[in-house]
N, C-alpha and C. Protein backbone atom coordinates (compact mmCIF):
# COMPACT_ATOMS: atom_id res chain seq x y z
N MET A 1 0.87 -1.12 -0.10
CA MET A 1 0.07 0.35 -0.05
C MET A 1 1.17 0.89 0.03
N THR A 2 0.78 2.20 -1.31
CA THR A 2 1.35 3.51 -1.11
C THR A 2 0.90 4.73 -0.39
N THR A 3 1.42 5.21 0.82
CA THR A 3 0.62 6.59 1.16
C THR A 3 1.16 7.64 0.60
N LYS A 4 0.38 8.33 0.25
CA LYS A 4 0.96 9.51 -0.13
C LYS A 4 0.16 10.80 0.32
N ILE A 5 1.09 11.89 0.92
CA ILE A 5 0.36 12.99 1.80
C ILE A 5 0.78 14.25 0.78
N TRP A 6 -0.38 15.05 0.52
CA TRP A 6 -0.20 16.34 0.04
C TRP A 6 -0.33 17.43 0.53
N ALA A 7 1.00 17.59 1.29
CA ALA A 7 1.22 18.74 1.88
C ALA A 7 2.60 19.51 1.80
N ARG A 8 2.32 20.96 2.69
CA ARG A 8 3.57 21.03 2.70
C ARG A 8 4.09 21.40 4.30
N ARG A 9 5.62 20.94 4.28
CA ARG A 9 6.33 20.77 5.73
C ARG A 9 6.06 21.63 6.47
N SER A 10 5.94 23.02 5.92
CA SER A 10 5.78 24.41 7.06
C SER A 10 4.30 24.39 7.81
N SER A 11 3.15 23.82 7.09
CA SER A 11 1.82 23.83 7.69
C SER A 11 2.22 22.95 9.27
N SER A 12 1.20 23.30 9.90
CA SER A 12 1.63 22.81 11.39
C SER A 12 0.66 21.73 11.54
N ASN A 13 -0.58 21.60 10.54
CA ASN A 13 -1.46 20.94 10.10
C ASN A 13 -0.79 19.53 9.69
N ALA A 14 0.06 19.77 8.95
CA ALA A 14 0.84 18.83 7.88
C ALA A 14 2.07 18.34 9.12
N GLN A 15 2.37 19.05 9.83
CA GLN A 15 3.44 18.61 10.89
C GLN A 15 3.02 17.42 11.89
N LYS A 16 2.01 17.34 12.11
CA LYS A 16 1.05 16.31 12.77
C LYS A 16 1.34 14.88 12.09
N VAL A 17 0.56 15.30 10.60
CA VAL A 17 0.78 13.89 9.84
C VAL A 17 2.49 13.56 9.86
N PHE A 18 3.22 14.13 9.41
CA PHE A 18 4.54 13.88 9.26
C PHE A 18 5.32 13.14 10.63
N TRP A 19 5.12 13.79 11.57
CA TRP A 19 5.20 13.06 13.00
C TRP A 19 5.02 11.93 12.94
N ALA A 20 3.60 11.46 12.70
CA ALA A 20 3.09 10.28 13.35
C ALA A 20 3.61 9.53 12.60
N LEU A 21 3.98 9.69 11.16
CA LEU A 21 4.16 9.03 9.95
C LEU A 21 5.99 8.46 10.72
N ALA A 22 6.41 9.23 11.26
CA ALA A 22 7.44 9.25 11.55
C ALA A 22 7.56 8.16 12.86
N GLU A 23 6.91 8.96 13.49
CA GLU A 23 6.84 7.58 14.69
C GLU A 23 6.53 5.93 14.25
N LEU A 24 5.52 5.95 13.41
CA LEU A 24 5.02 4.76 12.92
C LEU A 24 6.08 4.03 12.18
N ASP A 25 6.85 4.77 11.62
CA ASP A 25 7.57 4.38 10.69
C ASP A 25 6.91 3.94 9.58
N VAL A 26 6.01 4.67 8.94
CA VAL A 26 5.73 4.04 7.81
C VAL A 26 6.23 5.09 6.38
N PRO A 27 6.48 4.11 5.45
CA PRO A 27 6.80 4.75 4.55
C PRO A 27 5.80 5.67 3.37
N HIS A 28 5.97 6.69 2.94
CA HIS A 28 5.53 7.45 2.27
C HIS A 28 5.73 8.11 1.33
N GLN A 29 5.18 9.07 0.36
CA GLN A 29 5.51 10.11 -0.79
C GLN A 29 4.66 10.92 -0.12
N GLN A 30 5.68 12.20 -0.38
CA GLN A 30 4.92 13.44 0.06
C GLN A 30 4.88 14.56 -1.51
N ILE A 31 3.94 14.81 -1.68
CA ILE A 31 3.81 15.55 -2.75
C ILE A 31 3.29 16.67 -2.14
N ASN A 32 4.29 17.96 -2.68
CA ASN A 32 3.94 19.45 -2.14
C ASN A 32 2.73 20.09 -2.26
N ALA A 33 2.21 20.57 -1.59
CA ALA A 33 0.90 21.24 -1.97
C ALA A 33 0.48 22.35 -0.96
N GLY A 34 0.10 23.76 -1.40
CA GLY A 34 -0.17 24.76 -0.80
C GLY A 34 0.42 25.65 -0.71
N ALA A 35 -0.11 26.76 -0.35
CA ALA A 35 0.97 28.06 -0.63
C ALA A 35 2.19 28.39 -1.83
N LYS A 36 2.78 28.41 -1.77
CA LYS A 36 3.90 28.57 -3.12
C LYS A 36 3.72 27.51 -4.16
N TYR A 37 3.52 26.29 -3.63
CA TYR A 37 3.41 24.59 -4.31
C TYR A 37 1.87 25.25 -5.04
N GLY A 38 0.77 25.75 -4.58
CA GLY A 38 -0.48 25.77 -5.32
C GLY A 38 -0.74 24.50 -5.10
N ILE A 39 -1.56 24.09 -6.45
CA ILE A 39 -2.06 22.76 -6.34
C ILE A 39 -3.43 22.76 -5.86
N VAL A 40 -3.96 22.72 -4.81
CA VAL A 40 -4.79 23.35 -3.71
C VAL A 40 -6.19 23.37 -4.28
N ASP A 41 -5.96 24.20 -5.64
CA ASP A 41 -7.24 24.97 -6.01
C ASP A 41 -7.35 24.42 -7.12
N GLU A 42 -6.91 23.50 -7.35
CA GLU A 42 -6.91 22.54 -9.11
C GLU A 42 -7.92 21.59 -8.78
N PRO A 43 -9.09 21.41 -9.67
CA PRO A 43 -10.27 20.54 -9.73
C PRO A 43 -9.71 19.08 -9.21
N ASP A 44 -8.61 18.20 -9.44
CA ASP A 44 -8.21 17.02 -9.31
C ASP A 44 -7.90 16.84 -7.50
N TYR A 45 -7.70 18.08 -7.19
CA TYR A 45 -7.49 18.20 -5.89
C TYR A 45 -8.42 18.58 -4.85
N ARG A 46 -9.47 18.94 -5.49
CA ARG A 46 -10.58 19.51 -4.79
C ARG A 46 -11.44 18.63 -5.02
N ARG A 47 -11.06 17.37 -5.93
CA ARG A 47 -12.11 16.29 -5.61
C ARG A 47 -11.66 15.46 -4.69
N LYS A 48 -10.22 15.66 -4.30
CA LYS A 48 -9.91 14.83 -3.27
C LYS A 48 -10.32 15.31 -1.88
N ASN A 49 -10.08 17.03 -1.73
CA ASN A 49 -10.25 17.32 -0.51
C ASN A 49 -11.03 19.08 -0.54
N PRO A 50 -12.18 18.80 -0.50
CA PRO A 50 -12.83 19.93 -0.98
C PRO A 50 -12.53 21.23 -0.15
N ASN A 51 -12.37 21.18 0.65
CA ASN A 51 -11.84 22.64 1.32
C ASN A 51 -10.43 22.90 0.62
N GLY A 52 -10.13 22.53 -0.24
CA GLY A 52 -8.61 22.85 -0.50
C GLY A 52 -7.75 23.63 0.35
N LEU A 53 -7.18 22.73 1.31
CA LEU A 53 -6.54 22.75 2.43
C LEU A 53 -5.80 21.32 2.61
N VAL A 54 -4.20 21.38 3.22
CA VAL A 54 -3.70 20.47 3.41
C VAL A 54 -3.66 20.40 4.85
N PRO A 55 -3.20 18.81 5.19
CA PRO A 55 -2.70 17.84 4.64
C PRO A 55 -4.17 16.73 3.77
N THR A 56 -3.64 16.17 2.85
CA THR A 56 -4.34 15.04 2.15
C THR A 56 -3.68 13.69 2.00
N LEU A 57 -4.26 12.98 2.81
CA LEU A 57 -4.15 11.18 2.68
C LEU A 57 -4.81 10.66 1.38
N GLU A 58 -3.68 10.33 0.81
CA GLU A 58 -4.70 9.44 -0.63
C GLU A 58 -3.45 7.62 -0.57
N GLU A 59 -4.34 6.78 -0.77
CA GLU A 59 -3.46 5.46 -0.93
C GLU A 59 -4.24 5.35 -2.49
N ASP A 60 -3.02 3.95 -2.37
CA ASP A 60 -3.11 3.55 -4.29
C ASP A 60 -4.23 2.93 -4.30
N ASP A 61 -5.15 2.12 -3.43
CA ASP A 61 -6.58 2.07 -3.61
C ASP A 61 -7.43 2.61 -3.54
N GLY A 62 -7.29 4.16 -3.49
CA GLY A 62 -8.41 5.26 -3.90
C GLY A 62 -8.72 6.03 -2.59
N PHE A 63 -8.66 5.06 -1.49
CA PHE A 63 -8.89 5.80 -0.22
C PHE A 63 -8.23 6.89 0.10
N VAL A 64 -8.89 8.38 0.27
CA VAL A 64 -8.75 9.57 0.45
C VAL A 64 -8.91 9.99 2.27
N LEU A 65 -8.28 10.69 2.28
CA LEU A 65 -8.81 11.33 3.65
C LEU A 65 -8.19 12.49 3.89
N TRP A 66 -9.16 13.34 4.59
CA TRP A 66 -8.51 15.12 5.01
C TRP A 66 -9.20 15.04 6.25
N GLU A 67 -8.62 16.33 6.76
CA GLU A 67 -8.54 16.80 8.29
C GLU A 67 -7.37 15.95 9.02
N SER A 68 -6.23 16.83 9.64
CA SER A 68 -5.55 16.03 10.34
C SER A 68 -5.62 15.41 11.32
N ASN A 69 -6.31 16.04 12.54
CA ASN A 69 -6.84 14.89 13.35
C ASN A 69 -7.13 13.32 12.96
N ALA A 70 -7.91 13.59 11.99
CA ALA A 70 -8.47 12.11 11.31
C ALA A 70 -7.63 11.24 10.77
N ILE A 71 -6.50 12.12 10.38
CA ILE A 71 -5.55 11.60 9.48
C ILE A 71 -4.48 10.44 10.63
N VAL A 72 -4.26 11.39 11.59
CA VAL A 72 -3.13 10.71 12.75
C VAL A 72 -3.93 9.72 13.41
N ARG A 73 -5.17 9.83 13.50
CA ARG A 73 -5.92 8.77 13.99
C ARG A 73 -5.84 7.56 13.19
N TYR A 74 -6.36 7.67 11.89
CA TYR A 74 -6.60 6.61 10.86
C TYR A 74 -4.97 5.74 10.93
N LEU A 75 -4.00 6.58 10.98
CA LEU A 75 -2.79 6.07 10.74
C LEU A 75 -2.10 5.33 12.41
N ALA A 76 -2.47 5.83 12.85
CA ALA A 76 -1.79 4.91 14.63
C ALA A 76 -3.11 3.74 14.60
N ASP A 77 -4.48 3.50 14.01
CA ASP A 77 -5.38 2.74 13.91
C ASP A 77 -4.65 1.75 13.02
N GLN A 78 -4.20 1.71 12.01
CA GLN A 78 -3.78 1.27 11.09
C GLN A 78 -1.90 0.50 11.69
N HIS A 79 -1.22 1.42 12.18
CA HIS A 79 0.08 1.14 12.61
C HIS A 79 0.48 1.23 13.49
N GLY A 80 -0.49 1.28 14.67
CA GLY A 80 0.06 1.94 16.16
C GLY A 80 -0.51 1.19 17.03
N ARG A 81 -1.55 0.46 16.57
CA ARG A 81 -2.14 -0.32 18.10
C ARG A 81 -1.47 -0.36 19.42
N GLY A 82 -1.28 0.10 20.42
CA GLY A 82 -0.81 -0.61 21.36
C GLY A 82 0.45 0.63 21.43
N THR A 83 0.71 1.24 20.42
CA THR A 83 2.01 2.44 20.95
C THR A 83 0.98 4.06 20.76
N LEU A 84 0.85 4.56 19.71
CA LEU A 84 0.49 5.82 19.10
C LEU A 84 -1.07 5.85 19.51
N GLN A 85 -1.82 4.26 19.37
CA GLN A 85 -3.42 4.12 19.54
C GLN A 85 -3.22 3.29 20.84
N PRO A 86 -3.84 3.82 21.83
CA PRO A 86 -4.20 3.20 23.01
C PRO A 86 -4.87 1.76 22.93
N THR A 87 -4.72 1.04 23.12
CA THR A 87 -5.87 -0.66 23.53
C THR A 87 -6.70 -0.44 24.15
N ASP A 88 -6.70 0.47 25.18
CA ASP A 88 -7.85 0.22 26.00
C ASP A 88 -8.62 1.91 25.71
N ALA A 89 -9.96 1.10 25.75
CA ALA A 89 -10.87 2.16 25.24
C ALA A 89 -10.68 3.57 25.95
N ARG A 90 -11.04 3.59 27.20
CA ARG A 90 -10.59 4.56 28.13
C ARG A 90 -9.46 5.46 27.47
N GLN A 91 -8.56 4.75 27.84
CA GLN A 91 -7.41 5.85 27.62
C GLN A 91 -7.39 6.30 26.12
N ARG A 92 -7.92 5.33 24.89
CA ARG A 92 -8.00 5.93 23.77
C ARG A 92 -9.02 7.07 23.49
N ALA A 93 -9.84 7.00 24.75
CA ALA A 93 -11.21 8.22 24.73
C ALA A 93 -10.22 9.42 25.01
N ARG A 94 -9.78 8.98 26.11
CA ARG A 94 -8.69 10.21 26.94
C ARG A 94 -7.96 11.06 25.96
N ALA A 95 -6.77 10.06 25.12
CA ALA A 95 -6.24 10.75 23.93
C ALA A 95 -7.25 11.39 23.08
N ASP A 96 -8.01 10.91 22.24
CA ASP A 96 -9.00 11.73 21.33
C ASP A 96 -9.85 13.14 22.18
N SER A 97 -10.11 12.93 23.67
CA SER A 97 -10.68 14.32 23.86
C SER A 97 -9.66 15.61 23.92
N TRP A 98 -8.54 15.04 24.37
CA TRP A 98 -7.34 15.74 24.13
C TRP A 98 -6.80 16.44 22.58
N MET A 99 -7.01 15.62 21.80
CA MET A 99 -6.82 16.29 20.42
C MET A 99 -7.90 17.12 20.14
N ASP A 100 -9.71 17.05 20.90
CA ASP A 100 -10.30 17.62 20.40
C ASP A 100 -10.37 18.91 21.31
N TRP A 101 -9.61 18.94 22.27
CA TRP A 101 -9.37 20.29 23.08
C TRP A 101 -8.58 21.02 22.55
N THR A 102 -7.61 20.44 21.87
CA THR A 102 -6.51 21.19 21.36
C THR A 102 -7.44 22.27 20.35
N THR A 103 -7.74 21.55 19.63
CA THR A 103 -8.05 22.05 18.26
C THR A 103 -8.84 22.77 18.73
N THR A 104 -10.14 23.11 19.81
CA THR A 104 -11.02 23.98 20.15
C THR A 104 -10.44 25.05 20.51
N THR A 105 -9.81 24.47 21.97
CA THR A 105 -9.35 25.71 23.24
C THR A 105 -7.95 26.00 22.95
N LEU A 106 -6.84 25.69 22.44
CA LEU A 106 -5.58 26.03 22.84
C LEU A 106 -4.89 26.46 21.38
N GLU A 107 -5.45 25.97 19.75
CA GLU A 107 -5.02 26.21 18.64
C GLU A 107 -5.77 27.53 18.63
N PRO A 108 -6.95 28.12 18.77
CA PRO A 108 -7.39 29.43 18.09
C PRO A 108 -6.31 30.49 18.90
N SER A 109 -5.58 30.36 19.62
CA SER A 109 -4.86 31.58 20.41
C SER A 109 -3.76 31.26 19.62
N VAL A 110 -3.08 30.47 19.83
CA VAL A 110 -2.05 30.22 19.51
C VAL A 110 -1.64 30.44 18.04
N ASN A 111 -2.43 29.81 17.02
CA ASN A 111 -1.84 30.06 15.84
C ASN A 111 -2.83 31.39 15.61
N GLY A 112 -3.49 32.03 16.22
CA GLY A 112 -3.91 33.50 15.55
C GLY A 112 -3.00 34.51 16.11
N LEU A 113 -1.79 34.04 17.21
CA LEU A 113 -0.79 35.26 17.45
C LEU A 113 0.14 34.34 16.18
N TRP A 114 0.51 33.08 16.18
CA TRP A 114 1.13 32.69 14.76
C TRP A 114 0.77 33.55 13.65
N LEU A 115 -0.21 33.76 13.48
CA LEU A 115 -0.90 34.41 12.24
C LEU A 115 -0.18 35.94 11.94
N ARG A 116 -0.22 36.59 13.14
CA ARG A 116 -0.18 37.63 13.34
C ARG A 116 1.50 38.03 13.56
N ARG A 117 1.98 37.60 14.10
CA ARG A 117 3.38 37.89 14.93
C ARG A 117 4.48 36.83 14.35
N VAL A 118 3.99 35.74 13.40
CA VAL A 118 5.15 35.09 12.62
C VAL A 118 4.92 35.43 10.89
N LEU A 119 3.74 35.64 10.73
CA LEU A 119 3.50 35.30 9.69
C LEU A 119 2.87 37.22 8.76
N GLY A 120 3.01 37.92 9.98
CA GLY A 120 2.64 39.07 9.80
C GLY A 120 1.25 39.02 8.75
N ARG A 121 0.29 38.61 9.29
CA ARG A 121 -1.12 38.62 8.40
C ARG A 121 -1.81 38.82 9.54
N ASP A 122 -3.18 39.19 9.23
CA ASP A 122 -4.34 39.29 10.17
C ASP A 122 -5.48 38.48 9.41
N ARG A 123 -6.74 38.68 10.10
CA ARG A 123 -8.16 37.78 9.30
C ARG A 123 -8.69 38.96 10.16
N PRO A 124 -10.29 39.43 9.66
CA PRO A 124 -11.26 39.93 10.38
C PRO A 124 -11.94 39.17 11.73
N GLY A 125 -11.76 39.94 12.74
CA GLY A 125 -12.60 39.12 13.97
C GLY A 125 -11.51 38.45 14.77
N LEU A 126 -10.05 38.60 14.54
CA LEU A 126 -8.96 38.22 15.09
C LEU A 126 -8.68 39.24 16.43
N ALA A 127 -8.74 38.40 17.67
CA ALA A 127 -8.38 39.36 18.56
C ALA A 127 -7.05 39.63 18.90
N ALA A 128 -7.38 41.14 19.91
CA ALA A 128 -5.91 41.57 19.96
C ALA A 128 -5.02 40.67 20.91
N ASP A 129 -3.51 40.87 20.60
CA ASP A 129 -2.79 40.31 20.92
C ASP A 129 -2.92 40.02 22.24
N ASP A 130 -3.26 40.85 23.26
CA ASP A 130 -3.30 40.41 24.66
C ASP A 130 -4.36 39.50 25.19
N VAL A 131 -5.60 39.59 23.97
CA VAL A 131 -6.58 38.84 24.80
C VAL A 131 -6.17 37.11 24.22
N LEU A 132 -5.34 37.23 22.97
CA LEU A 132 -5.02 35.91 22.47
C LEU A 132 -4.04 35.22 23.30
N ILE A 133 -2.80 35.94 23.96
CA ILE A 133 -1.73 35.62 24.98
C ILE A 133 -2.59 35.17 26.13
N ALA A 134 -3.41 35.81 26.87
CA ALA A 134 -4.16 35.48 27.75
C ALA A 134 -4.73 34.34 27.99
N ASN A 135 -5.91 34.14 26.43
CA ASN A 135 -6.16 32.78 26.29
C ASN A 135 -5.56 31.19 26.22
N ALA A 136 -4.38 31.96 25.59
CA ALA A 136 -3.42 30.57 25.32
C ALA A 136 -3.10 30.37 27.00
N ILE A 137 -2.31 31.24 27.84
CA ILE A 137 -1.99 31.44 29.03
C ILE A 137 -3.10 30.57 30.09
N LYS A 138 -4.24 30.97 29.91
CA LYS A 138 -5.58 30.13 30.37
C LYS A 138 -5.31 28.75 30.08
N ALA A 139 -5.26 28.10 28.45
CA ALA A 139 -5.47 26.83 28.31
C ALA A 139 -4.35 26.26 28.64
N LEU A 140 -3.31 26.96 28.71
CA LEU A 140 -2.23 26.08 28.90
C LEU A 140 -1.59 25.82 30.55
N THR A 141 -2.23 27.22 31.29
CA THR A 141 -2.26 26.75 32.71
C THR A 141 -3.11 25.28 32.78
N LEU A 142 -4.62 25.13 32.73
CA LEU A 142 -5.31 23.93 32.61
C LEU A 142 -4.54 22.86 32.28
N LEU A 143 -3.43 22.89 31.19
CA LEU A 143 -2.82 21.61 30.78
C LEU A 143 -1.83 21.16 31.91
N ALA A 144 -0.93 22.10 32.37
CA ALA A 144 -0.09 21.77 33.22
C ALA A 144 -1.14 20.98 34.56
N GLU A 145 -1.83 21.65 34.75
CA GLU A 145 -2.65 21.10 35.95
C GLU A 145 -3.17 19.46 35.36
N ARG A 146 -3.32 18.89 34.22
CA ARG A 146 -3.97 17.69 34.25
C ARG A 146 -2.80 17.13 33.30
N LEU A 147 -1.73 17.38 33.15
CA LEU A 147 -0.69 16.40 32.19
C LEU A 147 -0.60 15.39 33.38
N ALA A 148 -0.21 14.35 32.90
CA ALA A 148 0.45 13.48 34.08
C ALA A 148 1.56 13.90 34.79
N PRO A 149 1.94 13.12 36.06
CA PRO A 149 2.96 14.21 36.73
C PRO A 149 4.36 14.23 35.91
N ASP A 150 4.43 12.34 35.08
CA ASP A 150 5.86 12.76 34.59
C ASP A 150 5.03 12.07 32.97
N GLY A 151 6.46 12.19 31.83
CA GLY A 151 6.19 11.30 31.08
C GLY A 151 5.23 12.24 30.05
N TYR A 152 4.26 11.31 29.20
CA TYR A 152 3.60 12.36 28.20
C TYR A 152 2.18 12.56 28.53
N LEU A 153 1.70 12.79 27.68
CA LEU A 153 0.09 13.38 27.77
C LEU A 153 -0.58 12.48 28.98
N LEU A 154 -0.80 11.08 28.60
CA LEU A 154 -1.12 9.90 29.40
C LEU A 154 -0.08 9.51 30.15
N GLY A 155 1.03 10.10 30.24
CA GLY A 155 1.96 9.23 30.75
C GLY A 155 2.75 8.76 29.99
N GLU A 156 2.69 7.21 29.88
CA GLU A 156 3.89 6.49 29.00
C GLU A 156 2.50 5.67 28.37
N PRO A 157 2.99 5.38 26.98
CA PRO A 157 4.27 5.83 26.02
C PRO A 157 3.25 6.83 25.32
N LEU A 158 4.00 7.76 24.33
CA LEU A 158 3.56 8.81 23.22
C LEU A 158 2.19 8.29 22.67
N SER A 159 1.20 9.60 22.77
CA SER A 159 -0.22 8.35 22.29
C SER A 159 -0.62 9.24 21.11
N ILE A 160 -1.77 9.41 20.45
CA ILE A 160 -2.04 10.09 19.36
C ILE A 160 -2.64 11.68 20.07
N GLY A 161 -3.07 11.51 21.28
CA GLY A 161 -3.33 12.96 21.98
C GLY A 161 -2.18 13.77 22.13
N ASP A 162 -0.98 13.11 21.88
CA ASP A 162 0.01 14.49 22.19
C ASP A 162 0.42 14.92 20.73
N ILE A 163 0.14 14.55 19.58
CA ILE A 163 0.24 14.92 18.32
C ILE A 163 -0.16 16.26 17.78
N PRO A 164 -1.44 16.76 18.04
CA PRO A 164 -1.64 17.64 17.92
C PRO A 164 -1.00 19.21 18.93
N LEU A 165 -1.14 18.25 20.02
CA LEU A 165 -0.58 19.20 21.19
C LEU A 165 0.44 19.36 21.03
N GLY A 166 1.36 18.66 20.43
CA GLY A 166 3.11 18.72 21.07
C GLY A 166 3.34 19.92 19.87
N VAL A 167 2.42 20.24 18.34
CA VAL A 167 2.84 21.14 17.49
C VAL A 167 2.61 22.29 18.43
N LEU A 168 1.54 22.55 18.71
CA LEU A 168 1.23 23.86 19.14
C LEU A 168 1.99 24.17 20.59
N VAL A 169 2.50 23.53 21.21
CA VAL A 169 3.06 23.46 22.44
C VAL A 169 4.31 23.82 22.13
N ASN A 170 4.99 23.43 20.77
CA ASN A 170 6.23 23.75 20.46
C ASN A 170 6.04 25.37 19.51
N ARG A 171 5.18 25.96 19.17
CA ARG A 171 4.81 26.50 18.35
C ARG A 171 4.78 27.96 19.53
N TRP A 172 4.17 27.79 20.72
CA TRP A 172 4.07 28.39 21.69
C TRP A 172 5.09 29.22 22.47
N PHE A 173 6.31 28.20 22.14
CA PHE A 173 7.59 28.83 22.81
C PHE A 173 8.37 29.30 22.24
N VAL A 174 8.15 29.00 20.78
CA VAL A 174 8.67 29.73 19.07
C VAL A 174 8.16 31.44 19.28
N LEU A 175 6.98 31.22 19.65
CA LEU A 175 6.94 32.84 19.80
C LEU A 175 7.27 33.66 20.58
N ALA A 176 7.88 34.85 19.86
CA ALA A 176 8.58 35.87 20.91
C ALA A 176 7.49 36.67 21.63
N ILE A 177 7.30 36.08 22.72
CA ILE A 177 6.19 36.73 23.82
C ILE A 177 6.89 36.31 25.11
N PRO A 178 6.48 37.09 25.97
CA PRO A 178 6.92 36.43 27.55
C PRO A 178 6.12 35.45 27.71
N HIS A 179 6.81 34.49 28.15
CA HIS A 179 5.69 32.99 28.35
C HIS A 179 6.04 32.69 30.00
N PRO A 180 5.06 32.74 30.96
CA PRO A 180 4.52 32.85 31.81
C PRO A 180 5.28 31.03 32.73
N GLU A 181 5.96 31.20 34.01
CA GLU A 181 6.65 30.20 34.51
C GLU A 181 5.13 28.30 34.62
N LEU A 182 5.39 27.73 33.56
CA LEU A 182 4.74 26.70 33.93
C LEU A 182 5.48 25.64 33.58
N PRO A 183 6.50 25.41 34.59
CA PRO A 183 7.22 24.03 34.55
C PRO A 183 7.33 22.81 33.70
N ARG A 184 5.70 22.38 34.51
CA ARG A 184 5.15 21.13 33.78
C ARG A 184 5.22 21.10 32.16
N VAL A 185 4.48 22.45 31.40
CA VAL A 185 4.70 22.41 30.16
C VAL A 185 5.77 22.80 29.31
N ARG A 186 6.98 23.11 30.51
CA ARG A 186 8.19 23.30 29.71
C ARG A 186 8.35 21.58 29.71
N ARG A 187 8.46 21.11 31.22
CA ARG A 187 9.44 19.48 31.07
C ARG A 187 8.41 18.73 29.87
N TYR A 188 7.53 19.31 29.71
CA TYR A 188 6.61 18.30 28.54
C TYR A 188 7.55 18.48 27.19
N HIS A 189 7.25 19.61 26.58
CA HIS A 189 8.20 20.13 25.42
C HIS A 189 9.45 19.19 25.60
N GLU A 190 10.11 19.80 26.53
CA GLU A 190 11.54 19.04 26.67
C GLU A 190 11.69 17.50 26.11
N LEU A 191 10.28 16.86 26.88
CA LEU A 191 10.60 15.23 26.60
C LEU A 191 10.23 15.17 25.61
N LEU A 192 8.84 15.91 24.88
CA LEU A 192 9.08 15.60 23.53
C LEU A 192 10.20 16.04 22.54
N SER A 193 10.97 17.07 22.78
CA SER A 193 12.30 17.67 22.12
C SER A 193 13.25 16.39 21.91
N THR A 194 13.29 15.49 23.01
CA THR A 194 14.42 14.30 22.78
C THR A 194 14.13 13.58 21.87
N ARG A 195 12.49 13.28 21.26
CA ARG A 195 12.39 12.43 19.95
C ARG A 195 12.86 12.60 18.97
N ASN A 196 13.31 12.23 18.28
CA ASN A 196 14.11 12.46 16.49
C ASN A 196 12.93 12.78 15.67
N ALA A 197 11.90 12.13 15.87
CA ALA A 197 10.58 12.83 15.06
C ALA A 197 9.92 13.49 15.10
N PHE A 198 10.14 14.19 16.49
CA PHE A 198 9.48 15.60 16.83
C PHE A 198 10.63 16.77 16.21
N ARG A 199 11.95 16.50 16.61
CA ARG A 199 12.74 17.05 16.13
C ARG A 199 12.70 17.64 14.90
N GLU A 200 12.82 16.57 13.91
CA GLU A 200 12.40 16.77 12.41
C GLU A 200 11.54 16.93 11.72
N HIS A 201 10.16 16.77 12.05
CA HIS A 201 8.95 17.29 11.70
C HIS A 201 8.10 18.30 11.92
N VAL A 202 8.74 18.38 13.59
CA VAL A 202 8.02 19.87 14.19
C VAL A 202 8.96 20.92 14.40
N ILE A 203 10.09 20.77 15.48
CA ILE A 203 11.02 21.42 15.66
C ILE A 203 12.07 22.19 14.19
N GLY A 204 12.15 21.12 13.53
CA GLY A 204 13.10 21.28 12.65
C GLY A 204 12.31 21.61 11.14
N ALA A 205 10.82 21.85 11.07
CA ALA A 205 9.86 22.19 9.70
C ALA A 205 10.56 23.37 9.48
N PRO A 206 10.38 23.58 7.90
CA PRO A 206 10.88 25.06 7.10
C PRO A 206 10.17 25.77 7.79
N PRO A 207 10.83 26.66 7.39
CA PRO A 207 10.29 28.19 7.67
C PRO A 207 8.46 28.40 7.52
N PRO A 208 7.89 29.41 7.73
CA PRO A 208 6.53 29.76 7.68
C PRO A 208 6.23 29.99 6.12
N MET A 209 5.04 29.10 5.64
CA MET A 209 4.87 29.13 4.25
C MET A 209 5.37 28.79 3.39
N THR A 210 6.61 28.14 3.56
CA THR A 210 7.18 27.69 2.73
C THR A 210 7.19 25.85 2.11
């Protein structure tokens, strides 16, 4: 089975997928798409992903999947049961809930700051920086209180819940803003940074919009 990933490596959503692929040691073919690479507005791509976004997974039997969290879950279910994909139903549900929390609660503020502070762009309705920073700190404080005392999000091992969260925590520390003392979140980022796949596909991702 050939796995194709349509995406550019600078996309935070694509970084989730490339990190998961590396953790699972799944061979794949990357096809650059989005930003300077274009492609996403072409009819053939829109048939694969009607949103015109990245990433998109495509397999040689015709199976296509979009939405980064769904792709991570699929890859973990196919290749990582007992590792990235917890076998226990309750642990799996907890990992899923953190994936959803990351998308709905942490991502809007961190990626809003990234859009303005790193990409130099804005969008209608985006809150002021001080509001975004306050919202991010509130979410990360909650995270610090709920993280397992040691190890990853659920303790050991790394799970699907860590993938979206780790990408955004890395972005948070990259942002040139004051960072409150949240030692548990800092230790969590340091632990993720010991992983080759995280260093290569998240920390070492290409500059934004490339």
